[in-house]
């Protein structure tokens, strides 16, 4: 029998994008879906649109709840789902028509726990999908290799989207409510359970670039990534030291990113946060510089950091604001 696949769609104030997202989901070539739309206290017309979609397609179930954030919405759906596998779709994004079929085929063919596709970025109405090929090179990862690839930011990302999971992986894993970078927070407990993760190059997901998204603007909440990575560093030091170098590479990326983003905001004072980032960079840079697995972008930042904090921020910051 075809397995039931749960599609989780957290919804919050996306009335301009929701129809396009849902059209891409209900139009999947794989039909055996359970579609869970969680209206997370929307204040626009999104909640009404959810109900209208449920009237149009019996596979859709809508849950309305008070606003709790993306993690709370996803957790609600995880508690309610009944599928054997699960895929996450953000409500302003879209799926390729064959996304579920392609990912399910990869899981079944290789007896994998997770199948990870690729994504394309778009900012307009339509997605320019690359051609799907049947001659994909499938990359195989055991648990440790998958975690290292994610933390070294090498071919795998920490996103929960553009991938299909066995639902049982979430039996005792939930997203941290009230935190940004919620995807990164569950990577370790989720992928530690995996025997095999497969990656394919086909673009199965369309990621909408929005300037008004949560991560499209800077605030102190962006520093949640530092809390998550620093806690993970402490955890693997006692539980899984083999991952320590990879985790530190990811933490270094977070320090660089938050330092530069806060430096570009000239209207607020983030000195305490910037001091924290700079201290972390100095602590990690030597070992990361000599680690052959650390990505070139991090190594360039490390070299610049040896010329001083101001130089690092000025030189790398210009890459984001070339006219400044």
C-alpha atoms as a PDB file:
ATOM      1  CA  UNK A   1       0.000   0.000   0.000  1.00  0.00           C
ATOM      2  CA  UNK A   2       1.094   3.555  -0.619  1.00  0.00           C
ATOM      3  CA  UNK A   3       2.226   5.156   2.648  1.00  0.00           C
ATOM      4  CA  UNK A   4       0.282   8.103   4.020  1.00  0.00           C
ATOM      5  CA  UNK A   5       2.437  11.227   4.026  1.00  0.00           C
ATOM      6  CA  UNK A   6       1.678  14.125   6.359  1.00  0.00           C
ATOM      7  CA  UNK A   7       2.307  17.602   4.973  1.00  0.00           C
ATOM      8  CA  UNK A   8       2.699  20.201   7.728  1.00  0.00           C
ATOM      9  CA  UNK A   9       1.911  23.807   6.813  1.00  0.00           C
ATOM     10  CA  UNK A  10       2.225  26.425   9.590  1.00  0.00           C
ATOM     11  CA  UNK A  11       0.216  29.520   8.641  1.00  0.00           C
ATOM     12  CA  UNK A  12       0.592  33.062   9.946  1.00  0.00           C
ATOM     13  CA  UNK A  13      -0.410  36.217   8.050  1.00  0.00           C
ATOM     14  CA  UNK A  14       0.430  34.949   4.578  1.00  0.00           C
ATOM     15  CA  UNK A  15      -2.785  35.725   2.729  1.00  0.00           C
ATOM     16  CA  UNK A  16      -0.828  36.981  -0.295  1.00  0.00           C
ATOM     17  CA  UNK A  17       1.087  33.709  -0.694  1.00  0.00           C
ATOM     18  CA  UNK A  18      -1.059  30.942   0.803  1.00  0.00           C
ATOM     19  CA  UNK A  19      -3.065  30.025  -2.293  1.00  0.00           C
ATOM     20  CA  UNK A  20       0.058  29.493  -4.370  1.00  0.00           C
ATOM     21  CA  UNK A  21       1.551  27.328  -1.630  1.00  0.00           C
ATOM     22  CA  UNK A  22      -1.574  25.196  -1.282  1.00  0.00           C
ATOM     23  CA  UNK A  23      -2.009  24.801  -5.030  1.00  0.00           C
ATOM     24  CA  UNK A  24       1.479  23.302  -5.147  1.00  0.00           C
ATOM     25  CA  UNK A  25       0.613  20.861  -2.344  1.00  0.00           C
ATOM     26  CA  UNK A  26      -2.810  19.631  -3.458  1.00  0.00           C
ATOM     27  CA  UNK A  27      -1.418  19.328  -7.002  1.00  0.00           C
ATOM     28  CA  UNK A  28       1.253  16.809  -6.015  1.00  0.00           C
ATOM     29  CA  UNK A  29       1.509  13.826  -8.333  1.00  0.00           C
ATOM     30  CA  UNK A  30       1.629  11.637  -5.213  1.00  0.00           C
ATOM     31  CA  UNK A  31      -1.960  11.772  -3.930  1.00  0.00           C
ATOM     32  CA  UNK A  32      -1.944   9.872  -0.617  1.00  0.00           C
ATOM     33  CA  UNK A  33      -1.495  12.929   1.585  1.00  0.00           C
ATOM     34  CA  UNK A  34      -2.714  14.210   4.914  1.00  0.00           C
ATOM     35  CA  UNK A  35      -2.366  18.006   4.806  1.00  0.00           C
ATOM     36  CA  UNK A  36      -2.295  19.738   8.205  1.00  0.00           C
ATOM     37  CA  UNK A  37      -2.719  23.516   8.085  1.00  0.00           C
ATOM     38  CA  UNK A  38      -2.102  25.159  11.455  1.00  0.00           C
ATOM     39  CA  UNK A  39      -3.446  28.702  11.579  1.00  0.00           C
ATOM     40  CA  UNK A  40      -1.226  30.204  14.258  1.00  0.00           C
ATOM     41  CA  UNK A  41      -3.439  33.113  15.304  1.00  0.00           C
ATOM     42  CA  UNK A  42      -3.359  34.938  11.976  1.00  0.00           C
ATOM     43  CA  UNK A  43      -4.707  38.501  12.073  1.00  0.00           C
ATOM     44  CA  UNK A  44      -5.248  38.771   8.315  1.00  0.00           C
ATOM     45  CA  UNK A  45      -7.425  36.610   6.062  1.00  0.00           C
ATOM     46  CA  UNK A  46      -5.173  33.548   6.302  1.00  0.00           C
ATOM     47  CA  UNK A  47      -7.400  31.636   8.726  1.00  0.00           C
ATOM     48  CA  UNK A  48     -10.410  32.024   6.438  1.00  0.00           C
ATOM     49  CA  UNK A  49      -8.370  30.870   3.462  1.00  0.00           C
ATOM     50  CA  UNK A  50      -7.346  27.758   5.414  1.00  0.00           C
ATOM     51  CA  UNK A  51     -11.004  26.863   5.998  1.00  0.00           C
ATOM     52  CA  UNK A  52     -11.811  27.460   2.351  1.00  0.00           C
ATOM     53  CA  UNK A  53      -9.051  25.094   1.286  1.00  0.00           C
ATOM     54  CA  UNK A  54     -10.357  22.420   3.686  1.00  0.00           C
ATOM     55  CA  UNK A  55     -13.755  22.691   2.000  1.00  0.00           C
ATOM     56  CA  UNK A  56     -12.134  22.144  -1.403  1.00  0.00           C
ATOM     57  CA  UNK A  57      -9.998  19.108  -0.549  1.00  0.00           C
ATOM     58  CA  UNK A  58     -10.939  16.412   1.968  1.00  0.00           C
ATOM     59  CA  UNK A  59      -7.264  15.604   2.616  1.00  0.00           C
ATOM     60  CA  UNK A  60      -6.853  18.972   4.354  1.00  0.00           C
ATOM     61  CA  UNK A  61      -7.369  19.398   8.079  1.00  0.00           C
ATOM     62  CA  UNK A  62      -7.208  22.859   9.658  1.00  0.00           C
ATOM     63  CA  UNK A  63      -6.236  23.588  13.248  1.00  0.00           C
ATOM     64  CA  UNK A  64      -6.751  27.120  14.589  1.00  0.00           C
ATOM     65  CA  UNK A  65      -4.725  28.159  17.628  1.00  0.00           C
ATOM     66  CA  UNK A  66      -3.523  31.248  19.444  1.00  0.00           C
ATOM     67  CA  UNK A  67      -0.291  32.683  18.120  1.00  0.00           C
ATOM     68  CA  UNK A  68       2.698  30.780  19.440  1.00  0.00           C
ATOM     69  CA  UNK A  69       5.201  31.036  16.611  1.00  0.00           C
ATOM     70  CA  UNK A  70       6.487  28.663  13.962  1.00  0.00           C
ATOM     71  CA  UNK A  71       7.717  26.043  16.430  1.00  0.00           C
ATOM     72  CA  UNK A  72       4.407  25.915  18.270  1.00  0.00           C
ATOM     73  CA  UNK A  73       2.501  25.525  14.998  1.00  0.00           C
ATOM     74  CA  UNK A  74       4.734  22.723  13.780  1.00  0.00           C
ATOM     75  CA  UNK A  75       4.537  20.971  17.152  1.00  0.00           C
ATOM     76  CA  UNK A  76       0.748  21.087  17.055  1.00  0.00           C
ATOM     77  CA  UNK A  77       0.785  19.388  13.667  1.00  0.00           C
ATOM     78  CA  UNK A  78       3.347  16.806  14.794  1.00  0.00           C
ATOM     79  CA  UNK A  79       1.072  15.902  17.691  1.00  0.00           C
ATOM     80  CA  UNK A  80      -1.917  15.539  15.352  1.00  0.00           C
ATOM     81  CA  UNK A  81      -0.383  13.800  12.323  1.00  0.00           C
ATOM     82  CA  UNK A  82      -0.965  10.164  11.431  1.00  0.00           C
ATOM     83  CA  UNK A  83       1.292   9.723   8.383  1.00  0.00           C
ATOM     84  CA  UNK A  84       4.179   7.279   8.117  1.00  0.00           C
ATOM     85  CA  UNK A  85       6.327  10.051   6.698  1.00  0.00           C
ATOM     86  CA  UNK A  86       6.244  13.828   7.053  1.00  0.00           C
ATOM     87  CA  UNK A  87       7.304  16.853   5.035  1.00  0.00           C
ATOM     88  CA  UNK A  88       7.367  20.493   6.202  1.00  0.00           C
ATOM     89  CA  UNK A  89       6.277  23.309   3.900  1.00  0.00           C
ATOM     90  CA  UNK A  90       6.398  26.968   4.919  1.00  0.00           C
ATOM     91  CA  UNK A  91       3.187  28.682   3.847  1.00  0.00           C
ATOM     92  CA  UNK A  92       4.871  31.274   1.626  1.00  0.00           C
ATOM     93  CA  UNK A  93       6.888  28.647  -0.268  1.00  0.00           C
ATOM     94  CA  UNK A  94       5.953  26.048  -2.892  1.00  0.00           C
ATOM     95  CA  UNK A  95       6.630  22.423  -3.801  1.00  0.00           C
ATOM     96  CA  UNK A  96       7.648  21.089  -7.183  1.00  0.00           C
ATOM     97  CA  UNK A  97       4.719  19.029  -8.558  1.00  0.00           C
ATOM     98  CA  UNK A  98       6.759  15.822  -8.181  1.00  0.00           C
ATOM     99  CA  UNK A  99       8.437  16.754  -4.887  1.00  0.00           C
ATOM    100  CA  UNK A 100       6.759  14.139  -2.698  1.00  0.00           C
ATOM    101  CA  UNK A 101       7.081  11.409  -5.334  1.00  0.00           C
ATOM    102  CA  UNK A 102      10.782  12.096  -5.849  1.00  0.00           C
ATOM    103  CA  UNK A 103      11.614  12.135  -2.140  1.00  0.00           C
ATOM    104  CA  UNK A 104       9.498   9.070  -1.374  1.00  0.00           C
ATOM    105  CA  UNK A 105      11.142   7.128  -4.190  1.00  0.00           C
ATOM    106  CA  UNK A 106      14.568   7.990  -2.746  1.00  0.00           C
ATOM    107  CA  UNK A 107      13.551   6.795   0.720  1.00  0.00           C
ATOM    108  CA  UNK A 108      12.038   3.561  -0.557  1.00  0.00           C
ATOM    109  CA  UNK A 109      14.807   2.741  -3.026  1.00  0.00           C
ATOM    110  CA  UNK A 110      17.560   3.181  -0.454  1.00  0.00           C
ATOM    111  CA  UNK A 111      15.677   2.257   2.739  1.00  0.00           C
ATOM    112  CA  UNK A 112      16.572   5.658   4.153  1.00  0.00           C
ATOM    113  CA  UNK A 113      15.198   7.531   7.148  1.00  0.00           C
ATOM    114  CA  UNK A 114      15.437  10.964   5.498  1.00  0.00           C
ATOM    115  CA  UNK A 115      15.583  12.037   1.855  1.00  0.00           C
ATOM    116  CA  UNK A 116      16.873  15.544   1.191  1.00  0.00           C
ATOM    117  CA  UNK A 117      16.365  17.344  -2.095  1.00  0.00           C
ATOM    118  CA  UNK A 118      17.521  20.744  -3.247  1.00  0.00           C
ATOM    119  CA  UNK A 119      15.727  24.088  -3.515  1.00  0.00           C
ATOM    120  CA  UNK A 120      15.503  27.127  -5.733  1.00  0.00           C
ATOM    121  CA  UNK A 121      15.060  30.713  -4.580  1.00  0.00           C
ATOM    122  CA  UNK A 122      12.371  32.882  -6.135  1.00  0.00           C
ATOM    123  CA  UNK A 123      10.901  36.287  -5.390  1.00  0.00           C
ATOM    124  CA  UNK A 124       8.216  36.618  -8.019  1.00  0.00           C
ATOM    125  CA  UNK A 125       5.011  34.811  -8.839  1.00  0.00           C
ATOM    126  CA  UNK A 126       6.380  31.767 -10.629  1.00  0.00           C
ATOM    127  CA  UNK A 127       9.264  29.412  -9.945  1.00  0.00           C
ATOM    128  CA  UNK A 128      11.726  28.600 -12.707  1.00  0.00           C
ATOM    129  CA  UNK A 129      12.147  24.901 -11.948  1.00  0.00           C
ATOM    130  CA  UNK A 130      15.293  23.182 -13.249  1.00  0.00           C
ATOM    131  CA  UNK A 131      14.742  19.999 -15.227  1.00  0.00           C
ATOM    132  CA  UNK A 132      14.252  16.915 -13.068  1.00  0.00           C
ATOM    133  CA  UNK A 133      16.663  14.155 -14.067  1.00  0.00           C
ATOM    134  CA  UNK A 134      16.433  10.430 -13.462  1.00  0.00           C
ATOM    135  CA  UNK A 135      20.227  10.195 -13.456  1.00  0.00           C
ATOM    136  CA  UNK A 136      20.776  11.759 -10.079  1.00  0.00           C
ATOM    137  CA  UNK A 137      23.842  10.996  -8.039  1.00  0.00           C
ATOM    138  CA  UNK A 138      22.506   9.923  -4.649  1.00  0.00           C
ATOM    139  CA  UNK A 139      24.707  10.793  -1.702  1.00  0.00           C
ATOM    140  CA  UNK A 140      24.584   8.431   1.267  1.00  0.00           C
ATOM    141  CA  UNK A 141      25.224   9.533   4.848  1.00  0.00           C
ATOM    142  CA  UNK A 142      25.154   7.624   8.084  1.00  0.00           C
ATOM    143  CA  UNK A 143      24.133   9.556  11.184  1.00  0.00           C
ATOM    144  CA  UNK A 144      27.558  11.021  11.925  1.00  0.00           C
ATOM    145  CA  UNK A 145      28.298  11.904   8.322  1.00  0.00           C
ATOM    146  CA  UNK A 146      24.946  13.676   7.964  1.00  0.00           C
ATOM    147  CA  UNK A 147      25.499  15.704  11.115  1.00  0.00           C
ATOM    148  CA  UNK A 148      29.003  16.665  10.021  1.00  0.00           C
ATOM    149  CA  UNK A 149      27.772  17.705   6.574  1.00  0.00           C
ATOM    150  CA  UNK A 150      25.121  19.916   8.191  1.00  0.00           C
ATOM    151  CA  UNK A 151      27.392  21.508  10.777  1.00  0.00           C
ATOM    152  CA  UNK A 152      30.241  22.001   8.313  1.00  0.00           C
ATOM    153  CA  UNK A 153      27.609  23.468   5.934  1.00  0.00           C
ATOM    154  CA  UNK A 154      28.757  21.098   3.220  1.00  0.00           C
ATOM    155  CA  UNK A 155      25.997  19.995   0.792  1.00  0.00           C
ATOM    156  CA  UNK A 156      23.378  19.620   3.561  1.00  0.00           C
ATOM    157  CA  UNK A 157      21.536  22.406   5.375  1.00  0.00           C
ATOM    158  CA  UNK A 158      19.814  22.370   8.744  1.00  0.00           C
ATOM    159  CA  UNK A 159      16.417  23.329   7.291  1.00  0.00           C
ATOM    160  CA  UNK A 160      13.392  21.137   7.992  1.00  0.00           C
ATOM    161  CA  UNK A 161      12.043  21.851   4.505  1.00  0.00           C
ATOM    162  CA  UNK A 162      12.845  20.275   1.107  1.00  0.00           C
ATOM    163  CA  UNK A 163      13.187  16.870   2.795  1.00  0.00           C
ATOM    164  CA  UNK A 164      10.994  13.909   3.697  1.00  0.00           C
ATOM    165  CA  UNK A 165      11.325  12.313   7.131  1.00  0.00           C
ATOM    166  CA  UNK A 166      10.138   9.050   8.594  1.00  0.00           C
ATOM    167  CA  UNK A 167       7.540  10.288  11.057  1.00  0.00           C
ATOM    168  CA  UNK A 168       8.887   8.076  13.855  1.00  0.00           C
ATOM    169  CA  UNK A 169      11.997  10.290  14.059  1.00  0.00           C
ATOM    170  CA  UNK A 170       9.803  12.924  15.723  1.00  0.00           C
ATOM    171  CA  UNK A 171       8.392  10.607  18.388  1.00  0.00           C
ATOM    172  CA  UNK A 172      10.262  12.418  21.149  1.00  0.00           C
ATOM    173  CA  UNK A 173      11.548  15.451  19.242  1.00  0.00           C
ATOM    174  CA  UNK A 174       9.776  18.808  19.151  1.00  0.00           C
ATOM    175  CA  UNK A 175      10.776  22.306  18.062  1.00  0.00           C
ATOM    176  CA  UNK A 176      11.752  24.790  20.800  1.00  0.00           C
ATOM    177  CA  UNK A 177       8.897  27.258  21.211  1.00  0.00           C
ATOM    178  CA  UNK A 178       9.798  30.938  21.139  1.00  0.00           C
ATOM    179  CA  UNK A 179      13.217  30.440  19.530  1.00  0.00           C
ATOM    180  CA  UNK A 180      14.533  31.525  16.158  1.00  0.00           C
ATOM    181  CA  UNK A 181      16.636  28.956  14.260  1.00  0.00           C
ATOM    182  CA  UNK A 182      14.274  26.232  15.468  1.00  0.00           C
ATOM    183  CA  UNK A 183      15.411  23.938  12.643  1.00  0.00           C
ATOM    184  CA  UNK A 184      19.007  24.047  13.820  1.00  0.00           C
ATOM    185  CA  UNK A 185      17.938  23.257  17.383  1.00  0.00           C
ATOM    186  CA  UNK A 186      16.499  19.834  16.478  1.00  0.00           C
ATOM    187  CA  UNK A 187      19.190  18.653  14.067  1.00  0.00           C
ATOM    188  CA  UNK A 188      21.213  16.744  16.656  1.00  0.00           C
ATOM    189  CA  UNK A 189      18.425  14.705  18.324  1.00  0.00           C
ATOM    190  CA  UNK A 190      16.708  14.091  14.987  1.00  0.00           C
ATOM    191  CA  UNK A 191      19.621  12.919  12.866  1.00  0.00           C
ATOM    192  CA  UNK A 192      21.242  10.925  15.681  1.00  0.00           C
ATOM    193  CA  UNK A 193      18.390   8.466  15.209  1.00  0.00           C
ATOM    194  CA  UNK A 194      19.052   7.945  11.508  1.00  0.00           C
ATOM    195  CA  UNK A 195      20.711   4.901  10.031  1.00  0.00           C
ATOM    196  CA  UNK A 196      20.785   6.364   6.538  1.00  0.00           C
ATOM    197  CA  UNK A 197      20.184   9.811   5.057  1.00  0.00           C
ATOM    198  CA  UNK A 198      20.184  10.299   1.290  1.00  0.00           C
ATOM    199  CA  UNK A 199      20.703  13.523  -0.596  1.00  0.00           C
ATOM    200  CA  UNK A 200      19.696  14.217  -4.204  1.00  0.00           C
ATOM    201  CA  UNK A 201      20.330  17.235  -6.419  1.00  0.00           C
ATOM    202  CA  UNK A 202      16.817  17.666  -7.827  1.00  0.00           C
ATOM    203  CA  UNK A 203      15.196  20.962  -6.805  1.00  0.00           C
ATOM    204  CA  UNK A 204      11.933  19.930  -5.143  1.00  0.00           C
ATOM    205  CA  UNK A 205      11.218  23.096  -3.171  1.00  0.00           C
ATOM    206  CA  UNK A 206      10.749  26.755  -4.023  1.00  0.00           C
ATOM    207  CA  UNK A 207      11.973  29.104  -1.301  1.00  0.00           C
ATOM    208  CA  UNK A 208      10.415  32.554  -1.522  1.00  0.00           C
ATOM    209  CA  UNK A 209      12.847  35.395  -0.774  1.00  0.00           C
ATOM    210  CA  UNK A 210      11.010  37.963   1.368  1.00  0.00           C
ATOM    211  CA  UNK A 211      12.483  41.116   2.866  1.00  0.00           C
ATOM    212  CA  UNK A 212       9.789  41.137   5.555  1.00  0.00           C
ATOM    213  CA  UNK A 213      10.454  37.599   6.778  1.00  0.00           C
ATOM    214  CA  UNK A 214      11.623  36.880  10.327  1.00  0.00           C
ATOM    215  CA  UNK A 215      15.223  36.398   9.228  1.00  0.00           C
ATOM    216  CA  UNK A 216      15.053  39.256   6.753  1.00  0.00           C
ATOM    217  CA  UNK A 217      15.603  41.824   9.484  1.00  0.00           C
ATOM    218  CA  UNK A 218      17.970  42.032  12.436  1.00  0.00           C
ATOM    219  CA  UNK A 219      16.947  41.925  16.076  1.00  0.00           C
ATOM    220  CA  UNK A 220      18.395  40.555  19.285  1.00  0.00           C
ATOM    221  CA  UNK A 221      16.303  37.424  18.757  1.00  0.00           C
ATOM    222  CA  UNK A 222      18.693  36.535  15.954  1.00  0.00           C
ATOM    223  CA  UNK A 223      21.195  35.797  18.724  1.00  0.00           C
ATOM    224  CA  UNK A 224      19.189  32.650  19.514  1.00  0.00           C
ATOM    225  CA  UNK A 225      21.503  30.922  17.051  1.00  0.00           C
ATOM    226  CA  UNK A 226      24.406  31.572  19.407  1.00  0.00           C
ATOM    227  CA  UNK A 227      22.542  30.065  22.365  1.00  0.00           C
ATOM    228  CA  UNK A 228      21.642  26.986  20.311  1.00  0.00           C
ATOM    229  CA  UNK A 229      25.162  26.421  18.975  1.00  0.00           C
ATOM    230  CA  UNK A 230      26.907  27.123  22.284  1.00  0.00           C
ATOM    231  CA  UNK A 231      24.602  24.682  24.081  1.00  0.00           C
ATOM    232  CA  UNK A 232      25.270  22.103  21.380  1.00  0.00           C
ATOM    233  CA  UNK A 233      29.019  22.596  21.761  1.00  0.00           C
ATOM    234  CA  UNK A 234      28.723  21.837  25.478  1.00  0.00           C
ATOM    235  CA  UNK A 235      26.546  18.811  24.771  1.00  0.00           C
ATOM    236  CA  UNK A 236      28.792  17.116  22.213  1.00  0.00           C
ATOM    237  CA  UNK A 237      31.855  17.686  24.396  1.00  0.00           C
ATOM    238  CA  UNK A 238      30.404  15.098  26.781  1.00  0.00           C
ATOM    239  CA  UNK A 239      28.185  12.995  24.471  1.00  0.00           C
ATOM    240  CA  UNK A 240      29.751  12.915  21.025  1.00  0.00           C
ATOM    241  CA  UNK A 241      33.207  14.447  20.878  1.00  0.00           C
ATOM    242  CA  UNK A 242      33.647  13.246  17.284  1.00  0.00           C
ATOM    243  CA  UNK A 243      31.261  16.029  16.250  1.00  0.00           C
ATOM    244  CA  UNK A 244      33.006  18.763  18.210  1.00  0.00           C
ATOM    245  CA  UNK A 245      35.067  20.233  15.350  1.00  0.00           C
ATOM    246  CA  UNK A 246      32.037  20.342  13.034  1.00  0.00           C
ATOM    247  CA  UNK A 247      29.867  21.978  15.686  1.00  0.00           C
ATOM    248  CA  UNK A 248      32.553  24.578  16.354  1.00  0.00           C
ATOM    249  CA  UNK A 249      32.719  25.379  12.646  1.00  0.00           C
ATOM    250  CA  UNK A 250      28.954  26.010  12.681  1.00  0.00           C
ATOM    251  CA  UNK A 251      29.269  28.102  15.832  1.00  0.00           C
ATOM    252  CA  UNK A 252      32.018  30.171  14.215  1.00  0.00           C
ATOM    253  CA  UNK A 253      29.704  30.840  11.265  1.00  0.00           C
ATOM    254  CA  UNK A 254      27.062  32.039  13.702  1.00  0.00           C
ATOM    255  CA  UNK A 255      29.510  34.398  15.422  1.00  0.00           C
ATOM    256  CA  UNK A 256      30.579  35.866  12.072  1.00  0.00           C
ATOM    257  CA  UNK A 257      27.007  36.248  10.860  1.00  0.00           C
ATOM    258  CA  UNK A 258      25.600  37.911  13.973  1.00  0.00           C
ATOM    259  CA  UNK A 259      28.625  40.194  14.349  1.00  0.00           C
ATOM    260  CA  UNK A 260      28.350  41.450  10.778  1.00  0.00           C
ATOM    261  CA  UNK A 261      24.571  41.814  10.804  1.00  0.00           C
ATOM    262  CA  UNK A 262      24.609  43.760  14.054  1.00  0.00           C
ATOM    263  CA  UNK A 263      27.493  45.895  12.793  1.00  0.00           C
ATOM    264  CA  UNK A 264      25.442  46.920   9.767  1.00  0.00           C
ATOM    265  CA  UNK A 265      22.587  48.183  11.946  1.00  0.00           C
ATOM    266  CA  UNK A 266      23.790  51.731  12.641  1.00  0.00           C
ATOM    267  CA  UNK A 267      20.660  52.777  14.541  1.00  0.00           C
ATOM    268  CA  UNK A 268      20.969  50.471  17.574  1.00  0.00           C
ATOM    269  CA  UNK A 269      23.707  49.646  20.043  1.00  0.00           C
ATOM    270  CA  UNK A 270      24.613  45.965  20.040  1.00  0.00           C
ATOM    271  CA  UNK A 271      27.986  46.312  21.771  1.00  0.00           C
ATOM    272  CA  UNK A 272      27.413  43.522  24.296  1.00  0.00           C
ATOM    273  CA  UNK A 273      26.334  41.115  21.561  1.00  0.00           C
ATOM    274  CA  UNK A 274      29.235  42.144  19.330  1.00  0.00           C
ATOM    275  CA  UNK A 275      31.691  41.617  22.183  1.00  0.00           C
ATOM    276  CA  UNK A 276      30.276  38.134  22.681  1.00  0.00           C
ATOM    277  CA  UNK A 277      30.743  37.312  18.996  1.00  0.00           C
ATOM    278  CA  UNK A 278      34.269  38.697  18.845  1.00  0.00           C
ATOM    279  CA  UNK A 279      35.299  36.740  21.935  1.00  0.00           C
ATOM    280  CA  UNK A 280      33.893  33.576  20.365  1.00  0.00           C
ATOM    281  CA  UNK A 281      35.684  34.193  17.071  1.00  0.00           C
ATOM    282  CA  UNK A 282      39.018  34.596  18.828  1.00  0.00           C
ATOM    283  CA  UNK A 283      38.414  31.427  20.848  1.00  0.00           C
ATOM    284  CA  UNK A 284      37.607  29.237  17.853  1.00  0.00           C
ATOM    285  CA  UNK A 285      39.553  30.702  14.949  1.00  0.00           C
ATOM    286  CA  UNK A 286      42.879  28.881  15.341  1.00  0.00           C
ATOM    287  CA  UNK A 287      41.443  25.364  15.501  1.00  0.00           C
ATOM    288  CA  UNK A 288      38.977  26.116  12.712  1.00  0.00           C
ATOM    289  CA  UNK A 289      41.733  27.549  10.518  1.00  0.00           C
ATOM    290  CA  UNK A 290      43.707  24.301  10.652  1.00  0.00           C
ATOM    291  CA  UNK A 291      40.599  22.119  10.211  1.00  0.00           C
ATOM    292  CA  UNK A 292      40.586  21.001   6.566  1.00  0.00           C
ATOM    293  CA  UNK A 293      36.799  20.512   6.620  1.00  0.00           C
ATOM    294  CA  UNK A 294      35.963  24.113   7.490  1.00  0.00           C
ATOM    295  CA  UNK A 295      34.466  25.894   4.499  1.00  0.00           C
ATOM    296  CA  UNK A 296      36.550  28.519   2.654  1.00  0.00           C
ATOM    297  CA  UNK A 297      34.144  31.318   3.594  1.00  0.00           C
ATOM    298  CA  UNK A 298      34.855  30.755   7.281  1.00  0.00           C
ATOM    299  CA  UNK A 299      38.588  30.582   6.671  1.00  0.00           C
ATOM    300  CA  UNK A 300      38.503  33.903   4.826  1.00  0.00           C
ATOM    301  CA  UNK A 301      36.734  35.404   7.811  1.00  0.00           C
ATOM    302  CA  UNK A 302      39.307  33.934  10.166  1.00  0.00           C
ATOM    303  CA  UNK A 303      42.200  35.445   8.211  1.00  0.00           C
ATOM    304  CA  UNK A 304      40.475  38.829   8.170  1.00  0.00           C
ATOM    305  CA  UNK A 305      39.871  38.574  11.909  1.00  0.00           C
ATOM    306  CA  UNK A 306      43.606  38.419  12.608  1.00  0.00           C
ATOM    307  CA  UNK A 307      43.809  41.977  11.246  1.00  0.00           C
ATOM    308  CA  UNK A 308      41.382  43.141  13.907  1.00  0.00           C
ATOM    309  CA  UNK A 309      37.703  43.412  14.649  1.00  0.00           C
ATOM    310  CA  UNK A 310      37.170  46.713  12.846  1.00  0.00           C
ATOM    311  CA  UNK A 311      38.928  45.463   9.730  1.00  0.00           C
ATOM    312  CA  UNK A 312      36.847  42.277   9.724  1.00  0.00           C
ATOM    313  CA  UNK A 313      33.547  44.153   9.994  1.00  0.00           C
ATOM    314  CA  UNK A 314      34.504  46.865   7.504  1.00  0.00           C
ATOM    315  CA  UNK A 315      35.839  44.533   4.818  1.00  0.00           C
ATOM    316  CA  UNK A 316      33.249  41.783   5.065  1.00  0.00           C
ATOM    317  CA  UNK A 317      30.433  44.216   5.767  1.00  0.00           C
ATOM    318  CA  UNK A 318      31.015  45.939   2.434  1.00  0.00           C
ATOM    319  CA  UNK A 319      30.043  42.714   0.714  1.00  0.00           C
ATOM    320  CA  UNK A 320      26.539  43.225   2.054  1.00  0.00           C
ATOM    321  CA  UNK A 321      26.374  46.991   1.477  1.00  0.00           C
ATOM    322  CA  UNK A 322      28.536  47.760  -1.578  1.00  0.00           C
ATOM    323  CA  UNK A 323      27.215  51.350  -1.794  1.00  0.00           C
ATOM    324  CA  UNK A 324      27.921  52.226   1.823  1.00  0.00           C
END
